C-alpha atoms as a PDB file:
ATOM      1  CA  MET A   1      13.285 -18.433   1.275  1.00  0.00           C
ATOM      2  CA  LYS A   2      15.610 -16.092   2.322  1.00  0.00           C
ATOM      3  CA  ILE A   3      14.549 -12.449   2.610  1.00  0.00           C
ATOM      4  CA  LEU A   4      16.412  -9.103   2.634  1.00  0.00           C
ATOM      5  CA  VAL A   5      14.715  -6.601   4.163  1.00  0.00           C
ATOM      6  CA  THR A   6      16.385  -2.967   3.914  1.00  0.00           C
ATOM      7  CA  GLY A   7      15.070  -0.637   6.070  1.00  0.00           C
ATOM      8  CA  GLY A   8      13.469  -2.909   8.351  1.00  0.00           C
ATOM      9  CA  ALA A   9      14.169  -1.632  11.698  1.00  0.00           C
ATOM     10  CA  GLY A  10      11.902   1.686  10.459  1.00  0.00           C
ATOM     11  CA  TYR A  11       7.962   2.463  10.352  1.00  0.00           C
ATOM     12  CA  ILE A  12       7.023   0.637   7.171  1.00  0.00           C
ATOM     13  CA  GLY A  13       9.434  -1.833   7.106  1.00  0.00           C
ATOM     14  CA  SER A  14       9.288  -3.468  10.561  1.00  0.00           C
ATOM     15  CA  HIS A  15       5.813  -4.010   9.748  1.00  0.00           C
ATOM     16  CA  VAL A  16       6.823  -6.490   6.803  1.00  0.00           C
ATOM     17  CA  VAL A  17       9.186  -7.652   8.807  1.00  0.00           C
ATOM     18  CA  LYS A  18       6.701  -8.716  11.786  1.00  0.00           C
ATOM     19  CA  LEU A  19       4.811 -10.039   9.289  1.00  0.00           C
ATOM     20  CA  LEU A  20       6.730 -12.494   7.763  1.00  0.00           C
ATOM     21  CA  LEU A  21       7.999 -13.336  11.182  1.00  0.00           C
ATOM     22  CA  GLU A  22       4.212 -14.276  12.179  1.00  0.00           C
ATOM     23  CA  ASN A  23       3.042 -15.600   9.329  1.00  0.00           C
ATOM     24  CA  SER A  24       5.835 -17.356   7.089  1.00  0.00           C
ATOM     25  CA  GLU A  25       8.724 -19.658   7.252  1.00  0.00           C
ATOM     26  CA  HIS A  26      11.082 -17.313   5.404  1.00  0.00           C
ATOM     27  CA  GLU A  27      14.826 -16.389   6.972  1.00  0.00           C
ATOM     28  CA  ILE A  28      14.331 -12.602   7.675  1.00  0.00           C
ATOM     29  CA  THR A  29      17.513 -10.578   7.694  1.00  0.00           C
ATOM     30  CA  VAL A  30      17.195  -7.275   8.229  1.00  0.00           C
ATOM     31  CA  LEU A  31      19.709  -4.914   6.938  1.00  0.00           C
ATOM     32  CA  ASP A  32      19.329  -0.445   8.234  1.00  0.00           C
ATOM     33  CA  ASN A  33      21.759   1.686   9.613  1.00  0.00           C
ATOM     34  CA  LEU A  34      19.597   3.227  12.536  1.00  0.00           C
ATOM     35  CA  VAL A  35      19.384   6.803  11.107  1.00  0.00           C
ATOM     36  CA  THR A  36      15.546   6.649  11.024  1.00  0.00           C
ATOM     37  CA  GLY A  37      15.358   3.363  11.887  1.00  0.00           C
ATOM     38  CA  PHE A  38      15.904   1.997  15.833  1.00  0.00           C
ATOM     39  CA  GLN A  39      17.305  -0.144  17.866  1.00  0.00           C
ATOM     40  CA  GLU A  40      14.117  -0.896  19.988  1.00  0.00           C
ATOM     41  CA  THR A  41      12.289  -1.926  16.956  1.00  0.00           C
ATOM     42  CA  ILE A  42      14.550  -4.533  16.372  1.00  0.00           C
ATOM     43  CA  ASP A  43      14.543  -5.812  19.801  1.00  0.00           C
ATOM     44  CA  ALA A  44      10.906  -5.511  19.691  1.00  0.00           C
ATOM     45  CA  LEU A  45      10.940  -7.563  16.333  1.00  0.00           C
ATOM     46  CA  THR A  46      13.235 -10.388  18.121  1.00  0.00           C
ATOM     47  CA  VAL A  47      10.915 -11.231  20.766  1.00  0.00           C
ATOM     48  CA  ILE A  48       8.766 -11.582  18.188  1.00  0.00           C
ATOM     49  CA  ALA A  49      10.840 -14.059  16.372  1.00  0.00           C
ATOM     50  CA  ASN A  50      11.416 -15.736  19.288  1.00  0.00           C
ATOM     51  CA  GLU A  51       7.947 -16.369  20.397  1.00  0.00           C
ATOM     52  CA  ASN A  52       7.572 -17.720  16.685  1.00  0.00           C
ATOM     53  CA  SER A  53      10.674 -19.896  17.218  1.00  0.00           C
ATOM     54  CA  LYS A  54      12.103 -18.086  14.201  1.00  0.00           C
ATOM     55  CA  THR A  55      15.194 -15.954  14.154  1.00  0.00           C
ATOM     56  CA  LEU A  56      16.154 -12.632  13.615  1.00  0.00           C
ATOM     57  CA  ASN A  57      19.120 -11.575  11.801  1.00  0.00           C
ATOM     58  CA  PHE A  58      20.453  -7.987  11.771  1.00  0.00           C
ATOM     59  CA  ILE A  59      22.969  -6.056  10.192  1.00  0.00           C
ATOM     60  CA  GLU A  60      23.675  -2.315  11.193  1.00  0.00           C
ATOM     61  CA  GLU A  61      25.052  -0.720   7.826  1.00  0.00           C
ATOM     62  CA  ASP A  62      24.921   1.881   5.449  1.00  0.00           C
ATOM     63  CA  LEU A  63      23.744   1.237   1.877  1.00  0.00           C
ATOM     64  CA  SER A  64      25.968   3.806   0.696  1.00  0.00           C
ATOM     65  CA  CYS A  65      29.076   1.788   1.796  1.00  0.00           C
ATOM     66  CA  PHE A  66      29.155   0.041  -1.694  1.00  0.00           C
ATOM     67  CA  ASP A  67      31.845  -2.475  -0.443  1.00  0.00           C
ATOM     68  CA  LYS A  68      30.636  -3.784   2.479  1.00  0.00           C
ATOM     69  CA  ILE A  69      26.829  -4.450   0.811  1.00  0.00           C
ATOM     70  CA  GLU A  70      28.792  -6.213  -2.077  1.00  0.00           C
ATOM     71  CA  VAL A  71      30.204  -8.791   0.851  1.00  0.00           C
ATOM     72  CA  ILE A  72      27.017  -8.818   2.273  1.00  0.00           C
ATOM     73  CA  MET A  73      24.979 -10.242  -0.703  1.00  0.00           C
ATOM     74  CA  THR A  74      28.142 -12.372  -1.629  1.00  0.00           C
ATOM     75  CA  GLU A  75      27.966 -14.181   1.520  1.00  0.00           C
ATOM     76  CA  ASP A  76      23.909 -14.418   2.300  1.00  0.00           C
ATOM     77  CA  HIS A  77      22.742 -15.704  -0.430  1.00  0.00           C
ATOM     78  CA  PHE A  78      19.289 -14.050  -0.540  1.00  0.00           C
ATOM     79  CA  ASP A  79      16.478 -15.043  -2.510  1.00  0.00           C
ATOM     80  CA  ALA A  80      14.666 -11.931  -1.980  1.00  0.00           C
ATOM     81  CA  ILE A  81      14.956  -7.885  -1.144  1.00  0.00           C
ATOM     82  CA  ILE A  82      12.434  -5.833   0.269  1.00  0.00           C
ATOM     83  CA  HIS A  83      13.760  -2.665  -0.077  1.00  0.00           C
ATOM     84  CA  PHE A  84      12.739   0.178   1.909  1.00  0.00           C
ATOM     85  CA  ALA A  85      15.788   1.918   3.015  1.00  0.00           C
ATOM     86  CA  ALA A  86      15.590   5.574   1.703  1.00  0.00           C
ATOM     87  CA  SER A  87      15.124   9.241   2.955  1.00  0.00           C
ATOM     88  CA  LEU A  88      11.514  11.138   2.331  1.00  0.00           C
ATOM     89  CA  VAL A  89      10.553  14.211   3.189  1.00  0.00           C
ATOM     90  CA  VAL A  90       9.129  16.357   0.273  1.00  0.00           C
ATOM     91  CA  PRO A  91      10.139  19.170   1.268  1.00  0.00           C
ATOM     92  CA  GLU A  92      13.611  18.452   2.699  1.00  0.00           C
ATOM     93  CA  SER A  93      14.115  16.707  -1.223  1.00  0.00           C
ATOM     94  CA  VAL A  94      13.181  20.070  -2.435  1.00  0.00           C
ATOM     95  CA  GLU A  95      15.623  21.727  -0.535  1.00  0.00           C
ATOM     96  CA  ASN A  96      18.723  18.915  -0.325  1.00  0.00           C
ATOM     97  CA  PRO A  97      18.278  17.324  -3.716  1.00  0.00           C
ATOM     98  CA  LEU A  98      21.416  15.439  -4.247  1.00  0.00           C
ATOM     99  CA  LYS A  99      21.089  13.920  -0.790  1.00  0.00           C
ATOM    100  CA  TYR A 100      17.759  11.927  -2.355  1.00  0.00           C
ATOM    101  CA  TYR A 101      19.557  11.156  -5.511  1.00  0.00           C
ATOM    102  CA  LEU A 102      22.092   9.509  -3.943  1.00  0.00           C
ATOM    103  CA  ASN A 103      20.775   7.920  -1.066  1.00  0.00           C
ATOM    104  CA  ASN A 104      17.459   6.857  -3.061  1.00  0.00           C
ATOM    105  CA  THR A 105      18.993   6.374  -6.515  1.00  0.00           C
ATOM    106  CA  ALA A 106      22.492   5.531  -6.128  1.00  0.00           C
ATOM    107  CA  ASN A 107      22.418   3.296  -3.451  1.00  0.00           C
ATOM    108  CA  THR A 108      19.247   1.350  -4.808  1.00  0.00           C
ATOM    109  CA  ALA A 109      21.130   0.778  -8.259  1.00  0.00           C
ATOM    110  CA  ASN A 110      23.887  -0.634  -6.506  1.00  0.00           C
ATOM    111  CA  LEU A 111      21.943  -2.345  -4.665  1.00  0.00           C
ATOM    112  CA  ILE A 112      20.107  -4.043  -7.376  1.00  0.00           C
ATOM    113  CA  LYS A 113      23.690  -4.554  -9.331  1.00  0.00           C
ATOM    114  CA  CYS A 114      24.258  -6.612  -6.565  1.00  0.00           C
ATOM    115  CA  ALA A 115      20.911  -8.940  -6.437  1.00  0.00           C
ATOM    116  CA  THR A 116      21.658  -9.409 -10.156  1.00  0.00           C
ATOM    117  CA  GLN A 117      24.997 -10.957  -9.381  1.00  0.00           C
ATOM    118  CA  ASN A 118      24.584 -12.871  -6.820  1.00  0.00           C
ATOM    119  CA  ASP A 119      20.925 -14.654  -8.231  1.00  0.00           C
ATOM    120  CA  VAL A 120      18.791 -13.077  -6.536  1.00  0.00           C
ATOM    121  CA  LYS A 121      15.219 -13.566  -8.397  1.00  0.00           C
ATOM    122  CA  LYS A 122      12.865 -10.907  -6.030  1.00  0.00           C
ATOM    123  CA  PHE A 123      12.852  -7.525  -5.533  1.00  0.00           C
ATOM    124  CA  ILE A 124       9.655  -5.881  -3.456  1.00  0.00           C
ATOM    125  CA  PHE A 125      10.484  -1.904  -3.983  1.00  0.00           C
ATOM    126  CA  SER A 126       8.876   0.656  -1.605  1.00  0.00           C
ATOM    127  CA  SER A 127       8.019   3.778  -4.245  1.00  0.00           C
ATOM    128  CA  THR A 128       5.557   5.901  -4.129  1.00  0.00           C
ATOM    129  CA  ALA A 129       2.765   8.315  -5.312  1.00  0.00           C
ATOM    130  CA  ALA A 130       4.735  10.898  -5.951  1.00  0.00           C
ATOM    131  CA  THR A 131       6.046   9.441  -9.044  1.00  0.00           C
ATOM    132  CA  TYR A 132       2.817  11.140 -10.639  1.00  0.00           C
ATOM    133  CA  GLY A 133       3.366  14.487  -9.995  1.00  0.00           C
ATOM    134  CA  GLU A 134       0.534  16.934  -9.661  1.00  0.00           C
ATOM    135  CA  PRO A 135      -1.793  15.278 -11.914  1.00  0.00           C
ATOM    136  CA  ASP A 136      -3.508  16.825 -14.881  1.00  0.00           C
ATOM    137  CA  PRO A 137      -7.636  16.837 -14.180  1.00  0.00           C
ATOM    138  CA  ALA A 138      -7.903  17.012 -17.806  1.00  0.00           C
ATOM    139  CA  LEU A 139      -5.732  13.462 -18.219  1.00  0.00           C
ATOM    140  CA  VAL A 140      -6.550  11.258 -14.722  1.00  0.00           C
ATOM    141  CA  ASN A 141      -9.578  10.892 -13.515  1.00  0.00           C
ATOM    142  CA  LEU A 142      -9.157  12.613  -9.776  1.00  0.00           C
ATOM    143  CA  GLU A 143     -12.734  11.048  -8.146  1.00  0.00           C
ATOM    144  CA  THR A 144     -11.768   7.313  -8.977  1.00  0.00           C
ATOM    145  CA  GLY A 145      -8.167   8.004  -8.757  1.00  0.00           C
ATOM    146  CA  LEU A 146      -4.968   7.517 -10.414  1.00  0.00           C
ATOM    147  CA  LYS A 147      -3.891   4.472 -12.569  1.00  0.00           C
ATOM    148  CA  GLU A 148      -0.435   2.762 -12.751  1.00  0.00           C
ATOM    149  CA  SER A 149      -0.623   4.181 -16.601  1.00  0.00           C
ATOM    150  CA  ASP A 150      -1.163   7.556 -15.941  1.00  0.00           C
ATOM    151  CA  PRO A 151       1.450   9.940 -16.927  1.00  0.00           C
ATOM    152  CA  THR A 152       4.473  10.163 -14.215  1.00  0.00           C
ATOM    153  CA  GLU A 153       5.652  13.174 -13.941  1.00  0.00           C
ATOM    154  CA  PRO A 154       7.436  14.087 -10.179  1.00  0.00           C
ATOM    155  CA  ILE A 155       7.401  17.472  -9.357  1.00  0.00           C
ATOM    156  CA  ASN A 156       9.990  16.849  -6.400  1.00  0.00           C
ATOM    157  CA  PRO A 157      13.252  15.298  -6.630  1.00  0.00           C
ATOM    158  CA  TYR A 158      12.003  12.529  -3.627  1.00  0.00           C
ATOM    159  CA  GLY A 159       9.273  11.532  -6.271  1.00  0.00           C
ATOM    160  CA  MET A 160      12.045  11.909  -9.351  1.00  0.00           C
ATOM    161  CA  SER A 161      14.829   9.903  -7.551  1.00  0.00           C
ATOM    162  CA  LYS A 162      12.236   6.877  -7.151  1.00  0.00           C
ATOM    163  CA  LEU A 163      10.637   6.768 -10.210  1.00  0.00           C
ATOM    164  CA  MET A 164      14.123   6.748 -11.335  1.00  0.00           C
ATOM    165  CA  SER A 165      14.969   3.636  -9.604  1.00  0.00           C
ATOM    166  CA  GLU A 166      11.794   2.303 -11.006  1.00  0.00           C
ATOM    167  CA  ARG A 167      13.199   2.726 -14.562  1.00  0.00           C
ATOM    168  CA  ILE A 168      16.546   0.890 -12.994  1.00  0.00           C
ATOM    169  CA  LEU A 169      14.394  -2.059 -12.123  1.00  0.00           C
ATOM    170  CA  GLN A 170      12.321  -1.971 -15.435  1.00  0.00           C
ATOM    171  CA  ASP A 171      15.671  -1.981 -17.661  1.00  0.00           C
ATOM    172  CA  THR A 172      17.283  -4.166 -15.631  1.00  0.00           C
ATOM    173  CA  ALA A 173      14.716  -7.415 -15.995  1.00  0.00           C
ATOM    174  CA  CYS A 174      15.023  -6.615 -19.320  1.00  0.00           C
ATOM    175  CA  ALA A 175      18.359  -7.355 -19.300  1.00  0.00           C
ATOM    176  CA  TYR A 176      18.531 -10.430 -16.513  1.00  0.00           C
ATOM    177  CA  PRO A 177      14.823 -12.542 -17.627  1.00  0.00           C
ATOM    178  CA  ALA A 178      15.604 -14.254 -14.114  1.00  0.00           C
ATOM    179  CA  PHE A 179      15.317 -10.962 -12.075  1.00  0.00           C
ATOM    180  CA  LYS A 180      11.706  -9.926 -11.381  1.00  0.00           C
ATOM    181  CA  TYR A 181      10.212  -7.201  -9.260  1.00  0.00           C
ATOM    182  CA  ALA A 182       7.350  -5.480  -7.978  1.00  0.00           C
ATOM    183  CA  ALA A 183       7.404  -1.754  -7.394  1.00  0.00           C
ATOM    184  CA  LEU A 184       4.548  -0.871  -5.153  1.00  0.00           C
ATOM    185  CA  ARG A 185       3.589   2.925  -5.231  1.00  0.00           C
ATOM    186  CA  TYR A 186       2.435   3.980  -2.090  1.00  0.00           C
ATOM    187  CA  PHE A 187      -0.111   6.843  -1.343  1.00  0.00           C
ATOM    188  CA  ASN A 188       0.107   8.259   2.300  1.00  0.00           C
ATOM    189  CA  VAL A 189       0.944   5.288   5.125  1.00  0.00           C
ATOM    190  CA  ALA A 190      -0.636   5.985   8.969  1.00  0.00           C
ATOM    191  CA  GLY A 191      -1.838   3.851  11.661  1.00  0.00           C
ATOM    192  CA  SER A 192       0.488   1.307  13.978  1.00  0.00           C
ATOM    193  CA  ASP A 193       0.689  -2.429  14.701  1.00  0.00           C
ATOM    194  CA  PRO A 194      -2.929  -3.090  16.065  1.00  0.00           C
ATOM    195  CA  ASP A 195      -1.073  -5.434  18.774  1.00  0.00           C
ATOM    196  CA  GLY A 196       1.151  -2.170  19.728  1.00  0.00           C
ATOM    197  CA  ARG A 197       4.042  -3.561  20.139  1.00  0.00           C
ATOM    198  CA  ILE A 198       5.571  -2.003  16.965  1.00  0.00           C
ATOM    199  CA  GLY A 199       4.428   1.860  15.331  1.00  0.00           C
ATOM    200  CA  GLN A 200       5.998   5.180  13.895  1.00  0.00           C
ATOM    201  CA  SER A 201       8.645   6.412  16.190  1.00  0.00           C
ATOM    202  CA  THR A 202      10.246   8.970  14.204  1.00  0.00           C
ATOM    203  CA  GLU A 203      10.670  12.368  16.128  1.00  0.00           C
ATOM    204  CA  ASN A 204      10.176  15.385  13.928  1.00  0.00           C
ATOM    205  CA  ALA A 205       7.637  13.313  12.239  1.00  0.00           C
ATOM    206  CA  THR A 206       5.764  15.333   9.131  1.00  0.00           C
ATOM    207  CA  LEU A 207       3.312  12.209   8.164  1.00  0.00           C
ATOM    208  CA  LEU A 208       0.010  14.428   8.507  1.00  0.00           C
ATOM    209  CA  ILE A 209      -1.855  11.339  11.246  1.00  0.00           C
ATOM    210  CA  LYS A 210       0.842  11.064  13.443  1.00  0.00           C
ATOM    211  CA  VAL A 211       1.429  14.834  13.827  1.00  0.00           C
ATOM    212  CA  ALA A 212      -1.877  15.116  14.908  1.00  0.00           C
ATOM    213  CA  ALA A 213      -1.554  12.507  17.609  1.00  0.00           C
ATOM    214  CA  GLU A 214       1.593  14.392  19.216  1.00  0.00           C
ATOM    215  CA  ALA A 215      -0.974  17.258  19.244  1.00  0.00           C
ATOM    216  CA  ALA A 216      -3.783  14.894  20.800  1.00  0.00           C
ATOM    217  CA  THR A 217      -1.136  13.454  23.270  1.00  0.00           C
ATOM    218  CA  GLY A 218       0.655  17.247  24.606  1.00  0.00           C
ATOM    219  CA  LYS A 219       3.754  16.169  22.488  1.00  0.00           C
ATOM    220  CA  ARG A 220       2.992  19.181  20.183  1.00  0.00           C
ATOM    221  CA  GLU A 221       1.603  22.512  21.428  1.00  0.00           C
ATOM    222  CA  LYS A 222       0.004  22.774  18.023  1.00  0.00           C
ATOM    223  CA  MET A 223       0.166  21.500  14.600  1.00  0.00           C
ATOM    224  CA  TYR A 224      -0.029  23.205  11.018  1.00  0.00           C
ATOM    225  CA  ILE A 225      -2.105  23.089   7.918  1.00  0.00           C
ATOM    226  CA  PHE A 226      -0.135  23.891   4.945  1.00  0.00           C
ATOM    227  CA  GLY A 227      -2.448  25.766   2.523  1.00  0.00           C
ATOM    228  CA  GLU A 228      -5.936  25.875   2.284  1.00  0.00           C
ATOM    229  CA  ASP A 229      -6.394  28.024  -0.633  1.00  0.00           C
ATOM    230  CA  TYR A 230      -6.105  24.010  -2.684  1.00  0.00           C
ATOM    231  CA  PRO A 231      -8.769  23.409  -5.684  1.00  0.00           C
ATOM    232  CA  THR A 232     -10.379  21.134  -3.495  1.00  0.00           C
ATOM    233  CA  PRO A 233     -13.931  21.454  -1.558  1.00  0.00           C
ATOM    234  CA  ASP A 234     -12.795  22.121   2.230  1.00  0.00           C
ATOM    235  CA  GLY A 235      -9.168  24.373   0.419  1.00  0.00           C
ATOM    236  CA  THR A 236      -7.400  21.616   2.240  1.00  0.00           C
ATOM    237  CA  GLY A 237      -4.756  18.893   0.311  1.00  0.00           C
ATOM    238  CA  ILE A 238      -7.059  15.669   0.078  1.00  0.00           C
ATOM    239  CA  ARG A 239      -4.537  12.027   0.355  1.00  0.00           C
ATOM    240  CA  ASP A 240      -5.451   8.443  -0.054  1.00  0.00           C
ATOM    241  CA  TYR A 241      -4.330   7.073   4.025  1.00  0.00           C
ATOM    242  CA  ILE A 242      -3.417   3.543   4.301  1.00  0.00           C
ATOM    243  CA  HIS A 243      -3.031   1.794   7.145  1.00  0.00           C
ATOM    244  CA  VAL A 244       0.519   0.206   7.625  1.00  0.00           C
ATOM    245  CA  VAL A 245      -0.467  -3.366   8.213  1.00  0.00           C
ATOM    246  CA  ASP A 246      -2.637  -3.217   4.937  1.00  0.00           C
ATOM    247  CA  LEU A 247       0.567  -2.039   3.199  1.00  0.00           C
ATOM    248  CA  ALA A 248       2.947  -4.175   4.512  1.00  0.00           C
ATOM    249  CA  GLN A 249       0.311  -7.473   3.682  1.00  0.00           C
ATOM    250  CA  ALA A 250       0.077  -6.218   0.313  1.00  0.00           C
ATOM    251  CA  HIS A 251       4.811  -6.458   0.011  1.00  0.00           C
ATOM    252  CA  ILE A 252       3.997 -10.206   1.088  1.00  0.00           C
ATOM    253  CA  GLU A 253       1.319 -10.740  -1.694  1.00  0.00           C
ATOM    254  CA  ALA A 254       4.036  -9.345  -4.239  1.00  0.00           C
ATOM    255  CA  LEU A 255       6.336 -11.807  -3.009  1.00  0.00           C
ATOM    256  CA  ASP A 256       4.032 -14.581  -4.174  1.00  0.00           C
ATOM    257  CA  TYR A 257       2.910 -12.753  -7.159  1.00  0.00           C
ATOM    258  CA  LEU A 258       6.100 -12.812  -8.343  1.00  0.00           C
ATOM    259  CA  GLU A 259       6.306 -16.604  -8.191  1.00  0.00           C
ATOM    260  CA  ASP A 260       3.774 -17.448 -11.409  1.00  0.00           C
ATOM    261  CA  HIS A 261       3.951 -13.741 -13.084  1.00  0.00           C
ATOM    262  CA  GLU A 262       6.130 -11.113 -14.551  1.00  0.00           C
ATOM    263  CA  SER A 263       7.167  -7.696 -13.095  1.00  0.00           C
ATOM    264  CA  ASP A 264       5.207  -4.772 -12.444  1.00  0.00           C
ATOM    265  CA  VAL A 265       4.005  -1.747 -10.697  1.00  0.00           C
ATOM    266  CA  PHE A 266       1.130  -1.337  -8.218  1.00  0.00           C
ATOM    267  CA  ASN A 267      -0.491   1.172  -6.631  1.00  0.00           C
ATOM    268  CA  VAL A 268      -1.345   0.618  -3.023  1.00  0.00           C
ATOM    269  CA  GLY A 269      -3.868   2.364  -1.312  1.00  0.00           C
ATOM    270  CA  TYR A 270      -8.055   2.543  -0.481  1.00  0.00           C
ATOM    271  CA  SER A 271      -9.050   4.363  -3.799  1.00  0.00           C
ATOM    272  CA  ARG A 272     -10.726   7.046  -1.666  1.00  0.00           C
ATOM    273  CA  GLY A 273      -9.057  10.607  -0.309  1.00  0.00           C
ATOM    274  CA  PHE A 274      -9.777  12.510   3.045  1.00  0.00           C
ATOM    275  CA  SER A 275      -8.547  16.253   3.055  1.00  0.00           C
ATOM    276  CA  VAL A 276      -6.486  17.428   6.131  1.00  0.00           C
ATOM    277  CA  LYS A 277      -9.113  18.993   7.824  1.00  0.00           C
ATOM    278  CA  GLU A 278     -10.721  15.756   7.847  1.00  0.00           C
ATOM    279  CA  VAL A 279      -8.477  13.969   9.128  1.00  0.00           C
ATOM    280  CA  ILE A 280      -7.708  16.199  11.764  1.00  0.00           C
ATOM    281  CA  ASP A 281     -10.873  15.969  12.785  1.00  0.00           C
ATOM    282  CA  THR A 282     -11.129  12.788  13.009  1.00  0.00           C
ATOM    283  CA  MET A 283      -8.232  12.726  15.287  1.00  0.00           C
ATOM    284  CA  LYS A 284     -10.050  15.074  17.668  1.00  0.00           C
ATOM    285  CA  LYS A 285     -13.180  12.982  17.316  1.00  0.00           C
ATOM    286  CA  VAL A 286     -11.006   9.938  18.995  1.00  0.00           C
ATOM    287  CA  SER A 287      -8.840  11.318  20.973  1.00  0.00           C
ATOM    288  CA  SER A 288     -11.624  13.241  22.441  1.00  0.00           C
ATOM    289  CA  VAL A 289      -8.721  16.549  22.326  1.00  0.00           C
ATOM    290  CA  ASP A 290      -9.524  19.969  20.807  1.00  0.00           C
ATOM    291  CA  PHE A 291      -6.034  20.496  19.838  1.00  0.00           C
ATOM    292  CA  THR A 292      -4.529  23.701  18.139  1.00  0.00           C
ATOM    293  CA  VAL A 293      -4.503  24.164  14.842  1.00  0.00           C
ATOM    294  CA  GLU A 294      -2.823  26.636  12.271  1.00  0.00           C
ATOM    295  CA  ILE A 295      -2.670  27.863   9.121  1.00  0.00           C
ATOM    296  CA  LYS A 296       0.645  28.009   7.483  1.00  0.00           C
ATOM    297  CA  GLU A 297       1.764  28.137   3.663  1.00  0.00           C
ATOM    298  CA  ARG A 298       2.026  25.635   1.182  1.00  0.00           C
ATOM    299  CA  ARG A 299       5.351  23.521   1.297  1.00  0.00           C
ATOM    300  CA  ALA A 300       7.199  23.400  -2.130  1.00  0.00           C
ATOM    301  CA  GLY A 301       6.311  20.189  -4.103  1.00  0.00           C
ATOM    302  CA  ASP A 302       2.631  19.379  -2.310  1.00  0.00           C
ATOM    303  CA  PRO A 303      -0.109  18.662  -5.030  1.00  0.00           C
ATOM    304  CA  ALA A 304      -3.333  19.106  -3.924  1.00  0.00           C
ATOM    305  CA  ILE A 305      -5.494  15.614  -4.366  1.00  0.00           C
ATOM    306  CA  LEU A 306      -3.302  12.267  -4.488  1.00  0.00           C
ATOM    307  CA  ILE A 307      -5.793   9.554  -4.855  1.00  0.00           C
ATOM    308  CA  SER A 308      -5.212   5.542  -5.752  1.00  0.00           C
ATOM    309  CA  ASP A 309      -7.098   3.730  -8.135  1.00  0.00           C
ATOM    310  CA  ASN A 310      -6.228   0.254  -6.306  1.00  0.00           C
ATOM    311  CA  THR A 311      -8.263  -1.884  -8.809  1.00  0.00           C
ATOM    312  CA  LYS A 312      -5.072  -3.664 -10.302  1.00  0.00           C
ATOM    313  CA  ILE A 313      -3.746  -4.884  -7.088  1.00  0.00           C
ATOM    314  CA  LYS A 314      -6.724  -6.450  -5.793  1.00  0.00           C
ATOM    315  CA  ASN A 315      -7.274  -8.124  -8.999  1.00  0.00           C
ATOM    316  CA  ALA A 316      -3.446  -9.045  -9.568  1.00  0.00           C
ATOM    317  CA  MET A 317      -2.824 -10.268  -6.268  1.00  0.00           C
ATOM    318  CA  ASN A 318      -6.631 -10.431  -4.406  1.00  0.00           C
ATOM    319  CA  TRP A 319      -5.386  -7.842  -1.854  1.00  0.00           C
ATOM    320  CA  GLU A 320      -8.145  -7.540   0.652  1.00  0.00           C
ATOM    321  CA  PRO A 321      -7.476  -4.484   3.004  1.00  0.00           C
ATOM    322  CA  LYS A 322      -8.639  -4.864   6.629  1.00  0.00           C
ATOM    323  CA  TYR A 323      -8.317  -1.422   8.093  1.00  0.00           C
ATOM    324  CA  ASP A 324      -9.497   0.796   5.566  1.00  0.00           C
ATOM    325  CA  ASP A 325     -11.644   3.101   7.984  1.00  0.00           C
ATOM    326  CA  LEU A 326     -10.035   6.277   8.973  1.00  0.00           C
ATOM    327  CA  GLU A 327     -11.079   5.920  12.373  1.00  0.00           C
ATOM    328  CA  VAL A 328      -9.027   3.323  12.957  1.00  0.00           C
ATOM    329  CA  ILE A 329      -6.248   4.240  11.501  1.00  0.00           C
ATOM    330  CA  CYS A 330      -6.091   7.365  13.815  1.00  0.00           C
ATOM    331  CA  GLN A 331      -7.086   4.970  16.780  1.00  0.00           C
ATOM    332  CA  THR A 332      -4.187   2.835  15.968  1.00  0.00           C
ATOM    333  CA  THR A 333      -1.919   5.851  15.709  1.00  0.00           C
ATOM    334  CA  LEU A 334      -3.300   7.683  18.650  1.00  0.00           C
ATOM    335  CA  ALA A 335      -2.489   4.381  21.014  1.00  0.00           C
ATOM    336  CA  TRP A 336       0.963   4.158  19.550  1.00  0.00           C
ATOM    337  CA  GLU A 337       1.322   7.377  20.276  1.00  0.00           C
ATOM    338  CA  LYS A 338       0.413   7.291  24.315  1.00  0.00           C
ATOM    339  CA  ARG A 339       2.359   3.926  24.864  1.00  0.00           C
ATOM    340  CA  LEU A 340       5.719   6.387  23.187  1.00  0.00           C
ATOM    341  CA  LYS A 341       5.035   9.063  26.751  1.00  0.00           C
END
């Protein structure tokens, strides 16, 4: 297939591109505006492509340039799209909601429109557990994790922008029978390529494990815990942390799944959670650095607990995580951070 990967110069997208270059015969094109992606990542992926006798095509463009996107889609005749390009910082979405509805929802709607107009058969969508909002313990079992059928009531514009995009995909698939999609609801993504060739390079990152690795390597004088008064055992938020390579593999499994199955939504996580304090303690253990941690107020839009029930994706796609270990996740994150120094 000819596959377009939007946001493929970014953190998660680059790991998907790497797996595709190493393990498939597909022709890959990355489209990225390099706002949160990196030319250095494209350079690293190009080397990997050459090592595997592949060609990696790169287009520097913004999805908001609708006319240019339509030309690209018309000329290149893609068979599938894996769509990552989006804004994803929850507090920022609360402060600047229009940015999120325009960049995440409007741009996705136009991309879907171009896909239907140009006979794209498969669309893999980067969604989020933020679509669930603040789970109600009376309605869901937080210990076993959220199911795809549980209520979706986002509490921030980021989650709502993604849920709106899911609805657009659902309605489009009903109207265009040849068009199929898989929406993957990520939980908390962390870790880096174990080969050390690509990783999370974003400056001023907000992802907890990367922030902890930056503190462990001295790039930050200290880090913060945002709230220790949540209704959890140690008072800090609990999240389901998934290694980025396991998440990347789920996208490839989803491409194969759509060959013989209908469109659907899947959680992608490990079905167990760790608190913020547990993550920080693990990073201190693997780094042997007792970095400074301070407590601050809760951030707007942060629920207390988000854990996945991953039964559906494991049964449907035979997806089996390889890096389901918090220490491994912290170790690979730390190794990449040291490489960036």
